[in-house]
Amino acid sequence: MSAPMETNMSEIDRIRSLSPQDMLMLGIKDIAYIKDIEVDGETAFGLFAANGKPLAVTADRAAAVATAWQNGLAPMTLQ
């Protein structure tokens, strides 16, 4: 029974040693963030990769969500 505990502790240690950059890269291929942005004085909706890289700007939230899904990304909303 000690082997699984050692494996779990090793995994926990690896997770604890992730750098902030490593954390940003988690989900980069799966998750997109949507947040309100201002473009030319108007509210728009930005679609961003998990690491913060801008992917698209849309006029409304529904279009941002659809764009994420169409590109195989799970949309998350940031406030």
N, C-alpha and C. Protein backbone atom coordinates (compact mmCIF):
# COMPACT_ATOMS: atom_id res chain seq x y z
N MET A 1 0.81 -1.19 0.00
CA MET A 1 0.00 0.00 0.00
C MET A 1 0.86 1.26 0.00
N SER A 2 2.09 1.18 0.32
CA SER A 2 2.90 2.40 0.36
C SER A 2 3.23 2.92 -1.04
N ALA A 3 3.25 2.08 -2.05
CA ALA A 3 3.58 2.52 -3.41
C ALA A 3 2.60 3.58 -3.93
N PRO A 4 1.27 3.37 -3.82
CA PRO A 4 0.36 4.40 -4.31
C PRO A 4 0.54 5.73 -3.57
N MET A 5 0.79 5.69 -2.27
CA MET A 5 1.00 6.92 -1.52
C MET A 5 2.23 7.64 -2.04
N GLU A 6 3.32 6.91 -2.31
CA GLU A 6 4.53 7.52 -2.84
C GLU A 6 4.26 8.14 -4.20
N THR A 7 3.50 7.46 -5.04
CA THR A 7 3.16 7.98 -6.36
C THR A 7 2.36 9.26 -6.20
N ASN A 8 1.36 9.25 -5.33
CA ASN A 8 0.54 10.44 -5.11
C ASN A 8 1.38 11.60 -4.60
N MET A 9 2.28 11.35 -3.69
CA MET A 9 3.12 12.41 -3.16
C MET A 9 4.02 12.96 -4.26
N SER A 10 4.53 12.10 -5.11
CA SER A 10 5.37 12.56 -6.21
C SER A 10 4.58 13.45 -7.15
N GLU A 11 3.34 13.08 -7.46
CA GLU A 11 2.49 13.88 -8.33
C GLU A 11 2.18 15.22 -7.68
N ILE A 12 1.91 15.22 -6.41
CA ILE A 12 1.64 16.46 -5.68
C ILE A 12 2.86 17.36 -5.70
N ASP A 13 4.03 16.80 -5.49
CA ASP A 13 5.27 17.59 -5.53
C ASP A 13 5.48 18.20 -6.91
N ARG A 14 5.18 17.44 -7.97
CA ARG A 14 5.33 17.97 -9.33
C ARG A 14 4.36 19.12 -9.56
N ILE A 15 3.14 18.98 -9.10
CA ILE A 15 2.16 20.05 -9.26
C ILE A 15 2.61 21.30 -8.51
N ARG A 16 3.10 21.11 -7.31
CA ARG A 16 3.55 22.25 -6.50
C ARG A 16 4.75 22.97 -7.13
N SER A 17 5.49 22.26 -7.97
CA SER A 17 6.68 22.87 -8.56
C SER A 17 6.40 23.56 -9.90
N LEU A 18 5.14 23.58 -10.34
CA LEU A 18 4.80 24.26 -11.59
C LEU A 18 5.06 25.76 -11.48
N SER A 19 5.68 26.30 -12.49
CA SER A 19 5.94 27.74 -12.52
C SER A 19 4.67 28.47 -12.95
N PRO A 20 4.62 29.78 -12.76
CA PRO A 20 3.46 30.54 -13.25
C PRO A 20 3.26 30.35 -14.76
N GLN A 21 4.34 30.27 -15.53
CA GLN A 21 4.23 30.04 -16.98
C GLN A 21 3.63 28.66 -17.25
N ASP A 22 4.06 27.65 -16.48
CA ASP A 22 3.48 26.31 -16.63
C ASP A 22 1.97 26.36 -16.38
N MET A 23 1.56 27.10 -15.36
CA MET A 23 0.14 27.19 -15.04
C MET A 23 -0.63 27.84 -16.18
N LEU A 24 -0.04 28.88 -16.80
CA LEU A 24 -0.70 29.54 -17.92
C LEU A 24 -0.88 28.60 -19.10
N MET A 25 0.08 27.70 -19.28
CA MET A 25 0.04 26.80 -20.42
C MET A 25 -0.95 25.65 -20.22
N LEU A 26 -1.36 25.40 -18.99
CA LEU A 26 -2.36 24.36 -18.74
C LEU A 26 -3.65 24.75 -19.44
N GLY A 27 -4.13 23.92 -20.26
CA GLY A 27 -5.39 24.19 -20.94
C GLY A 27 -5.29 25.08 -22.15
N ILE A 28 -4.07 25.48 -22.55
CA ILE A 28 -3.95 26.41 -23.67
C ILE A 28 -4.58 25.86 -24.94
N LYS A 29 -4.61 24.56 -25.09
CA LYS A 29 -5.20 23.97 -26.29
C LYS A 29 -6.68 23.68 -26.13
N ASP A 30 -7.22 23.90 -24.93
CA ASP A 30 -8.60 23.51 -24.65
C ASP A 30 -9.50 24.64 -24.18
N ILE A 31 -8.93 25.69 -23.63
CA ILE A 31 -9.73 26.73 -22.97
C ILE A 31 -9.49 28.08 -23.60
N ALA A 32 -10.56 28.84 -23.78
CA ALA A 32 -10.46 30.24 -24.21
C ALA A 32 -11.22 31.08 -23.18
N TYR A 33 -10.68 32.24 -22.90
CA TYR A 33 -11.32 33.15 -21.95
C TYR A 33 -11.99 34.28 -22.72
N ILE A 34 -13.17 34.64 -22.29
CA ILE A 34 -13.91 35.75 -22.88
C ILE A 34 -14.00 36.84 -21.83
N LYS A 35 -13.65 38.05 -22.23
CA LYS A 35 -13.82 39.16 -21.30
C LYS A 35 -14.20 40.41 -22.05
N ASP A 36 -14.94 41.27 -21.37
CA ASP A 36 -15.35 42.55 -21.95
C ASP A 36 -14.10 43.39 -22.17
N ILE A 37 -14.02 44.01 -23.35
CA ILE A 37 -12.93 44.93 -23.65
C ILE A 37 -13.53 46.17 -24.31
N GLU A 38 -12.77 47.23 -24.40
CA GLU A 38 -13.23 48.43 -25.05
C GLU A 38 -12.48 48.60 -26.36
N VAL A 39 -13.23 48.83 -27.43
CA VAL A 39 -12.65 49.06 -28.75
C VAL A 39 -13.32 50.31 -29.32
N ASP A 40 -12.53 51.34 -29.56
CA ASP A 40 -13.05 52.61 -30.10
C ASP A 40 -14.22 53.14 -29.28
N GLY A 41 -14.10 53.06 -27.96
CA GLY A 41 -15.13 53.58 -27.07
C GLY A 41 -16.36 52.71 -26.92
N GLU A 42 -16.38 51.56 -27.57
CA GLU A 42 -17.52 50.65 -27.51
C GLU A 42 -17.12 49.37 -26.77
N THR A 43 -18.08 48.73 -26.13
CA THR A 43 -17.82 47.45 -25.49
C THR A 43 -17.80 46.36 -26.54
N ALA A 44 -16.76 45.54 -26.50
CA ALA A 44 -16.63 44.39 -27.38
C ALA A 44 -16.26 43.21 -26.49
N PHE A 45 -16.10 42.06 -27.09
CA PHE A 45 -15.77 40.86 -26.33
C PHE A 45 -14.53 40.22 -26.92
N GLY A 46 -13.50 40.14 -26.09
CA GLY A 46 -12.25 39.55 -26.53
C GLY A 46 -12.20 38.07 -26.19
N LEU A 47 -11.66 37.30 -27.11
CA LEU A 47 -11.45 35.87 -26.90
C LEU A 47 -9.95 35.68 -26.77
N PHE A 48 -9.51 35.08 -25.65
CA PHE A 48 -8.10 34.95 -25.34
C PHE A 48 -7.75 33.50 -25.04
N ALA A 49 -6.54 33.09 -25.44
CA ALA A 49 -6.03 31.76 -25.09
C ALA A 49 -5.75 31.72 -23.59
N ALA A 50 -5.55 30.53 -23.06
CA ALA A 50 -5.29 30.36 -21.63
C ALA A 50 -4.08 31.18 -21.17
N ASN A 51 -3.12 31.41 -22.07
CA ASN A 51 -1.93 32.18 -21.69
C ASN A 51 -2.10 33.68 -21.89
N GLY A 52 -3.30 34.11 -22.27
CA GLY A 52 -3.59 35.52 -22.43
C GLY A 52 -3.43 36.04 -23.85
N LYS A 53 -2.99 35.21 -24.77
CA LYS A 53 -2.81 35.64 -26.15
C LYS A 53 -4.17 35.95 -26.77
N PRO A 54 -4.34 37.15 -27.36
CA PRO A 54 -5.61 37.48 -28.00
C PRO A 54 -5.86 36.59 -29.21
N LEU A 55 -7.08 36.09 -29.31
CA LEU A 55 -7.46 35.23 -30.43
C LEU A 55 -8.45 35.90 -31.37
N ALA A 56 -9.41 36.64 -30.81
CA ALA A 56 -10.45 37.27 -31.63
C ALA A 56 -11.15 38.36 -30.83
N VAL A 57 -11.80 39.25 -31.55
CA VAL A 57 -12.66 40.27 -30.95
C VAL A 57 -13.99 40.18 -31.66
N THR A 58 -15.07 40.15 -30.88
CA THR A 58 -16.41 40.06 -31.46
C THR A 58 -17.29 41.17 -30.88
N ALA A 59 -18.39 41.43 -31.57
CA ALA A 59 -19.30 42.49 -31.13
C ALA A 59 -20.18 42.07 -29.97
N ASP A 60 -20.43 40.77 -29.84
CA ASP A 60 -21.28 40.33 -28.73
C ASP A 60 -20.75 39.02 -28.14
N ARG A 61 -21.20 38.77 -26.92
CA ARG A 61 -20.73 37.60 -26.16
C ARG A 61 -21.09 36.29 -26.86
N ALA A 62 -22.28 36.21 -27.43
CA ALA A 62 -22.71 34.97 -28.10
C ALA A 62 -21.77 34.63 -29.26
N ALA A 63 -21.34 35.63 -30.00
CA ALA A 63 -20.41 35.39 -31.11
C ALA A 63 -19.06 34.92 -30.58
N ALA A 64 -18.62 35.45 -29.46
CA ALA A 64 -17.34 35.02 -28.86
C ALA A 64 -17.44 33.56 -28.41
N VAL A 65 -18.56 33.20 -27.80
CA VAL A 65 -18.77 31.82 -27.36
C VAL A 65 -18.80 30.88 -28.57
N ALA A 66 -19.52 31.28 -29.61
CA ALA A 66 -19.61 30.45 -30.81
C ALA A 66 -18.24 30.30 -31.47
N THR A 67 -17.47 31.37 -31.52
CA THR A 67 -16.12 31.31 -32.11
C THR A 67 -15.24 30.34 -31.34
N ALA A 68 -15.33 30.38 -30.02
CA ALA A 68 -14.54 29.45 -29.21
C ALA A 68 -14.91 28.01 -29.53
N TRP A 69 -16.21 27.70 -29.49
CA TRP A 69 -16.66 26.32 -29.74
C TRP A 69 -16.29 25.86 -31.15
N GLN A 70 -16.43 26.75 -32.13
CA GLN A 70 -16.11 26.40 -33.52
C GLN A 70 -14.64 26.06 -33.70
N ASN A 71 -13.81 26.56 -32.79
CA ASN A 71 -12.37 26.31 -32.88
C ASN A 71 -11.91 25.27 -31.85
N GLY A 72 -12.87 24.51 -31.31
CA GLY A 72 -12.53 23.42 -30.40
C GLY A 72 -12.08 23.87 -29.02
N LEU A 73 -12.47 25.06 -28.63
CA LEU A 73 -12.09 25.61 -27.32
C LEU A 73 -13.32 25.72 -26.41
N ALA A 74 -13.13 25.43 -25.14
CA ALA A 74 -14.19 25.59 -24.15
C ALA A 74 -14.13 27.02 -23.63
N PRO A 75 -15.18 27.81 -23.85
CA PRO A 75 -15.16 29.21 -23.41
C PRO A 75 -15.41 29.36 -21.92
N MET A 76 -14.63 30.24 -21.31
CA MET A 76 -14.79 30.63 -19.91
C MET A 76 -14.91 32.14 -19.87
N THR A 77 -15.71 32.65 -18.97
CA THR A 77 -15.88 34.09 -18.88
C THR A 77 -15.04 34.66 -17.74
N LEU A 78 -14.33 35.74 -18.02
CA LEU A 78 -13.58 36.47 -17.00
C LEU A 78 -14.32 37.76 -16.70
N GLN A 79 -14.33 38.15 -15.44
CA GLN A 79 -15.00 39.38 -15.04
C GLN A 79 -13.99 40.45 -14.79
